[in-house]
Amino acid sequence: MSVCYKKLWKLLIDNDMSKSDLREKTGIAASTISKMNKNQDVSLEVLARICCALDCNIEDIVEIEK
């Protein structure tokens, strides 16, 4: 199984935000964004901070692919 962040990238586009804007709004590191670009695992804390910043639920930003 792997994670996929396509929903997050689409949500950023819909909100007219860049990945840099997301980093500034959430305080997450550039290396974390890089991991997400590669569909690698990130901590639940990071995902929760993104959800709070974007006012969404976790299923709105990440999918589990089998």
C-alpha atoms as a PDB file:
ATOM      1  CA  MET A   1       0.000   0.000   0.000  1.00  0.00           C
ATOM      2  CA  SER A   2       1.085   3.564  -0.618  1.00  0.00           C
ATOM      3  CA  VAL A   3      -0.215   7.051  -0.030  1.00  0.00           C
ATOM      4  CA  CYS A   4      -1.162   9.524  -2.727  1.00  0.00           C
ATOM      5  CA  TYR A   5      -1.484  13.284  -2.243  1.00  0.00           C
ATOM      6  CA  LYS A   6      -3.166  14.136  -5.575  1.00  0.00           C
ATOM      7  CA  LYS A   7      -6.228  15.380  -3.713  1.00  0.00           C
ATOM      8  CA  LEU A   8      -4.070  17.831  -1.755  1.00  0.00           C
ATOM      9  CA  TRP A   9      -2.422  19.238  -4.891  1.00  0.00           C
ATOM     10  CA  LYS A  10      -5.839  19.655  -6.522  1.00  0.00           C
ATOM     11  CA  LEU A  11      -7.198  21.363  -3.407  1.00  0.00           C
ATOM     12  CA  LEU A  12      -4.285  23.806  -3.487  1.00  0.00           C
ATOM     13  CA  ILE A  13      -5.067  24.626  -7.127  1.00  0.00           C
ATOM     14  CA  ASP A  14      -8.750  25.089  -6.306  1.00  0.00           C
ATOM     15  CA  ASN A  15      -7.787  27.476  -3.470  1.00  0.00           C
ATOM     16  CA  ASP A  16      -5.290  29.314  -5.708  1.00  0.00           C
ATOM     17  CA  MET A  17      -2.427  28.369  -3.379  1.00  0.00           C
ATOM     18  CA  SER A  18       1.097  27.253  -4.133  1.00  0.00           C
ATOM     19  CA  LYS A  19       3.067  24.669  -2.215  1.00  0.00           C
ATOM     20  CA  SER A  20       5.124  27.539  -0.791  1.00  0.00           C
ATOM     21  CA  ASP A  21       1.922  29.160   0.459  1.00  0.00           C
ATOM     22  CA  LEU A  22       1.020  25.878   2.150  1.00  0.00           C
ATOM     23  CA  ARG A  23       4.454  25.705   3.791  1.00  0.00           C
ATOM     24  CA  GLU A  24       4.116  29.249   5.127  1.00  0.00           C
ATOM     25  CA  LYS A  25       0.574  28.701   6.386  1.00  0.00           C
ATOM     26  CA  THR A  26       1.364  25.405   8.145  1.00  0.00           C
ATOM     27  CA  GLY A  27       5.014  25.795   9.113  1.00  0.00           C
ATOM     28  CA  ILE A  28       5.956  22.434   7.614  1.00  0.00           C
ATOM     29  CA  ALA A  29       9.460  21.933   6.242  1.00  0.00           C
ATOM     30  CA  ALA A  30      10.411  21.954   2.573  1.00  0.00           C
ATOM     31  CA  SER A  31      11.677  18.402   3.017  1.00  0.00           C
ATOM     32  CA  THR A  32       8.172  17.335   4.059  1.00  0.00           C
ATOM     33  CA  ILE A  33       6.682  18.837   0.895  1.00  0.00           C
ATOM     34  CA  SER A  34       9.377  17.000  -1.049  1.00  0.00           C
ATOM     35  CA  LYS A  35       8.372  13.709   0.599  1.00  0.00           C
ATOM     36  CA  MET A  36       4.752  14.373  -0.277  1.00  0.00           C
ATOM     37  CA  ASN A  37       5.702  15.107  -3.900  1.00  0.00           C
ATOM     38  CA  LYS A  38       7.183  11.606  -3.970  1.00  0.00           C
ATOM     39  CA  ASN A  39       4.064  10.105  -2.314  1.00  0.00           C
ATOM     40  CA  GLN A  40       6.064   9.104   0.738  1.00  0.00           C
ATOM     41  CA  ASP A  41       4.655   8.823   4.250  1.00  0.00           C
ATOM     42  CA  VAL A  42       4.507  11.899   6.467  1.00  0.00           C
ATOM     43  CA  SER A  43       3.376  12.118  10.065  1.00  0.00           C
ATOM     44  CA  LEU A  44      -0.237  12.358  11.072  1.00  0.00           C
ATOM     45  CA  GLU A  45       0.652  15.611  12.859  1.00  0.00           C
ATOM     46  CA  VAL A  46       1.666  17.163   9.519  1.00  0.00           C
ATOM     47  CA  LEU A  47      -1.541  15.989   7.863  1.00  0.00           C
ATOM     48  CA  ALA A  48      -3.583  17.386  10.762  1.00  0.00           C
ATOM     49  CA  ARG A  49      -1.856  20.781  10.455  1.00  0.00           C
ATOM     50  CA  ILE A  50      -2.616  20.845   6.733  1.00  0.00           C
ATOM     51  CA  CYS A  51      -6.265  19.959   7.399  1.00  0.00           C
ATOM     52  CA  CYS A  52      -6.564  22.739   9.974  1.00  0.00           C
ATOM     53  CA  ALA A  53      -4.948  25.280   7.656  1.00  0.00           C
ATOM     54  CA  LEU A  54      -7.143  24.329   4.696  1.00  0.00           C
ATOM     55  CA  ASP A  55     -10.274  23.699   6.784  1.00  0.00           C
ATOM     56  CA  CYS A  56     -10.750  20.206   5.394  1.00  0.00           C
ATOM     57  CA  ASN A  57     -10.744  16.559   6.466  1.00  0.00           C
ATOM     58  CA  ILE A  58      -7.902  14.116   6.027  1.00  0.00           C
ATOM     59  CA  GLU A  59      -9.766  12.215   3.302  1.00  0.00           C
ATOM     60  CA  ASP A  60      -9.792  15.480   1.314  1.00  0.00           C
ATOM     61  CA  ILE A  61      -5.992  15.506   1.041  1.00  0.00           C
ATOM     62  CA  VAL A  62      -4.717  11.927   1.042  1.00  0.00           C
ATOM     63  CA  GLU A  63      -5.686   8.565  -0.455  1.00  0.00           C
ATOM     64  CA  ILE A  64      -4.402   5.078   0.267  1.00  0.00           C
ATOM     65  CA  GLU A  65      -3.592   3.140  -2.896  1.00  0.00           C
ATOM     66  CA  LYS A  66      -3.496  -0.646  -2.819  1.00  0.00           C
END
